[in-house]
C-alpha atoms as a PDB file:
ATOM      1  CA  VAL A   1       0.000   0.000   0.000  1.00  0.00           C
ATOM      2  CA  PRO A   2       1.613   3.272  -1.074  1.00  0.00           C
ATOM      3  CA  SER A   3       1.927   5.889   1.611  1.00  0.00           C
ATOM      4  CA  GLY A   4       1.208   9.599   1.205  1.00  0.00           C
ATOM      5  CA  ASN A   5       4.743  10.592   2.231  1.00  0.00           C
ATOM      6  CA  VAL A   6       6.901  12.260  -0.387  1.00  0.00           C
ATOM      7  CA  ASP A   7      10.632  11.749  -0.307  1.00  0.00           C
ATOM      8  CA  VAL A   8      12.056  15.263  -0.726  1.00  0.00           C
ATOM      9  CA  ASP A   9      15.616  14.015  -1.231  1.00  0.00           C
ATOM     10  CA  THR A  10      14.894  12.628  -4.707  1.00  0.00           C
ATOM     11  CA  GLY A  11      13.070  13.761  -7.801  1.00  0.00           C
ATOM     12  CA  VAL A  12      10.860  16.796  -7.877  1.00  0.00           C
ATOM     13  CA  GLY A  13      11.075  17.425  -4.137  1.00  0.00           C
ATOM     14  CA  ALA A  14      14.856  17.758  -4.262  1.00  0.00           C
ATOM     15  CA  LYS A  15      14.650  20.108  -7.228  1.00  0.00           C
ATOM     16  CA  TYR A  16      12.231  22.499  -5.553  1.00  0.00           C
ATOM     17  CA  ARG A  17      13.938  22.229  -2.177  1.00  0.00           C
ATOM     18  CA  GLY A  18      17.216  23.274  -3.806  1.00  0.00           C
ATOM     19  CA  MET A  19      15.548  26.173  -5.598  1.00  0.00           C
ATOM     20  CA  TYR A  20      13.903  27.305  -2.336  1.00  0.00           C
ATOM     21  CA  GLU A  21      17.153  27.142  -0.391  1.00  0.00           C
ATOM     22  CA  GLU A  22      18.977  29.003  -3.150  1.00  0.00           C
ATOM     23  CA  SER A  23      16.380  31.789  -3.074  1.00  0.00           C
ATOM     24  CA  LEU A  24      17.076  32.256   0.644  1.00  0.00           C
ATOM     25  CA  ASN A  25      20.839  32.556   0.141  1.00  0.00           C
ATOM     26  CA  PRO A  26      21.835  36.171   0.999  1.00  0.00           C
ATOM     27  CA  PHE A  27      24.788  36.071  -1.400  1.00  0.00           C
ATOM     28  CA  ASN A  28      22.500  35.264  -4.351  1.00  0.00           C
ATOM     29  CA  ALA A  29      20.113  38.052  -3.347  1.00  0.00           C
ATOM     30  CA  PHE A  30      23.033  40.501  -3.108  1.00  0.00           C
ATOM     31  CA  HIS A  31      24.334  39.364  -6.504  1.00  0.00           C
ATOM     32  CA  ARG A  32      20.917  39.887  -8.123  1.00  0.00           C
ATOM     33  CA  ARG A  33      20.587  43.370  -6.595  1.00  0.00           C
ATOM     34  CA  GLU A  34      24.085  44.380  -7.707  1.00  0.00           C
ATOM     35  CA  THR A  35      23.523  43.041 -11.227  1.00  0.00           C
ATOM     36  CA  SER A  36      20.252  44.916 -11.448  1.00  0.00           C
ATOM     37  CA  ARG A  37      21.896  48.129 -10.202  1.00  0.00           C
ATOM     38  CA  ARG A  38      24.733  47.841 -12.703  1.00  0.00           C
ATOM     39  CA  VAL A  39      22.377  47.180 -15.612  1.00  0.00           C
ATOM     40  CA  ARG A  40      20.268  50.231 -14.671  1.00  0.00           C
ATOM     41  CA  SER A  41      23.392  52.413 -14.595  1.00  0.00           C
ATOM     42  CA  MET A  42      24.427  51.359 -18.134  1.00  0.00           C
ATOM     43  CA  GLY A  43      23.823  53.459 -21.199  1.00  0.00           C
ATOM     44  CA  ILE A  44      21.120  52.403 -23.650  1.00  0.00           C
ATOM     45  CA  LEU A  45      23.540  50.801 -26.137  1.00  0.00           C
ATOM     46  CA  ASP A  46      25.364  48.888 -23.400  1.00  0.00           C
ATOM     47  CA  ARG A  47      22.043  47.733 -21.948  1.00  0.00           C
ATOM     48  CA  LEU A  48      20.855  46.487 -25.363  1.00  0.00           C
ATOM     49  CA  ILE A  49      24.102  44.583 -25.898  1.00  0.00           C
ATOM     50  CA  TYR A  50      23.849  43.115 -22.382  1.00  0.00           C
ATOM     51  CA  MET A  51      20.252  42.029 -22.948  1.00  0.00           C
ATOM     52  CA  PHE A  52      21.108  40.480 -26.334  1.00  0.00           C
ATOM     53  CA  SER A  53      24.117  38.601 -24.964  1.00  0.00           C
ATOM     54  CA  SER A  54      22.105  37.399 -21.953  1.00  0.00           C
ATOM     55  CA  PHE A  55      19.427  36.093 -24.294  1.00  0.00           C
ATOM     56  CA  VAL A  56      21.940  34.320 -26.537  1.00  0.00           C
ATOM     57  CA  MET A  57      23.867  32.791 -23.650  1.00  0.00           C
ATOM     58  CA  GLY A  58      20.682  31.725 -21.865  1.00  0.00           C
ATOM     59  CA  ASN A  59      19.031  29.987 -24.804  1.00  0.00           C
ATOM     60  CA  ARG A  60      20.495  26.858 -26.426  1.00  0.00           C
ATOM     61  CA  ARG A  61      18.857  27.434 -29.817  1.00  0.00           C
ATOM     62  CA  ALA A  62      20.009  31.050 -29.892  1.00  0.00           C
ATOM     63  CA  ARG A  63      23.577  29.918 -29.136  1.00  0.00           C
ATOM     64  CA  MET A  64      23.451  27.394 -31.985  1.00  0.00           C
ATOM     65  CA  ALA A  65      22.008  30.001 -34.364  1.00  0.00           C
ATOM     66  CA  MET A  66      24.735  32.478 -33.372  1.00  0.00           C
ATOM     67  CA  LEU A  67      27.421  29.818 -33.839  1.00  0.00           C
ATOM     68  CA  LEU A  68      26.064  28.994 -37.295  1.00  0.00           C
ATOM     69  CA  TYR A  69      25.869  32.696 -38.211  1.00  0.00           C
ATOM     70  CA  VAL A  70      29.446  33.398 -37.097  1.00  0.00           C
ATOM     71  CA  GLY A  71      30.704  30.273 -38.864  1.00  0.00           C
ATOM     72  CA  LEU A  72      29.013  31.287 -42.121  1.00  0.00           C
ATOM     73  CA  LEU A  73      30.459  34.787 -41.847  1.00  0.00           C
ATOM     74  CA  HIS A  74      33.934  33.305 -41.450  1.00  0.00           C
ATOM     75  CA  LEU A  75      33.410  31.094 -44.499  1.00  0.00           C
ATOM     76  CA  LEU A  76      32.251  34.128 -46.488  1.00  0.00           C
ATOM     77  CA  VAL A  77      35.359  36.098 -45.532  1.00  0.00           C
ATOM     78  CA  VAL A  78      37.691  33.195 -46.368  1.00  0.00           C
ATOM     79  CA  ALA A  79      35.960  32.602 -49.718  1.00  0.00           C
ATOM     80  CA  THR A  80      36.120  36.311 -50.575  1.00  0.00           C
ATOM     81  CA  LEU A  81      39.817  36.513 -49.704  1.00  0.00           C
ATOM     82  CA  TYR A  82      40.547  33.365 -51.707  1.00  0.00           C
ATOM     83  CA  ARG A  83      38.682  34.684 -54.748  1.00  0.00           C
ATOM     84  CA  THR A  84      40.449  38.045 -54.489  1.00  0.00           C
ATOM     85  CA  MET A  85      43.797  36.269 -54.256  1.00  0.00           C
ATOM     86  CA  LEU A  86      43.037  34.232 -57.395  1.00  0.00           C
ATOM     87  CA  GLN A  87      41.950  37.341 -59.311  1.00  0.00           C
ATOM     88  CA  ALA A  88      45.097  39.200 -58.236  1.00  0.00           C
ATOM     89  CA  ASP A  89      47.207  36.246 -59.360  1.00  0.00           C
ATOM     90  CA  ASP A  90      45.483  36.208 -62.777  1.00  0.00           C
ATOM     91  CA  THR A  91      45.997  39.972 -63.144  1.00  0.00           C
ATOM     92  CA  GLU A  92      49.675  39.592 -62.262  1.00  0.00           C
ATOM     93  CA  ARG A  93      50.096  36.871 -64.918  1.00  0.00           C
ATOM     94  CA  GLU A  94      48.472  39.090 -67.574  1.00  0.00           C
ATOM     95  CA  ARG A  95      50.896  41.935 -66.813  1.00  0.00           C
ATOM     96  CA  ALA A  96      54.022  39.758 -66.807  1.00  0.00           C
ATOM     97  CA  PRO A  97      56.073  39.946 -70.016  1.00  0.00           C
ATOM     98  CA  PRO A  98      56.125  36.739 -72.026  1.00  0.00           C
END
């Protein structure tokens, strides 16, 4: 016969107990207040950059999208430099005396 007691050391009980204890931690409360104060004292551009970076770092899909975007930009730069190098080499060959 199952009893109505819930073991708070495992599963959902442990998760919420840890969250509750963390919310009572004075160091975490101080850290949140200081972070909030610093963000409020930032300029508008700095605040926008902070909010964007917090969103990207806090969201797995946003991190993957940013990684893909940065990777594609690097490939574009490398391809452009390679093409420019080939065109410069062809131009140099055309100018060289036979």
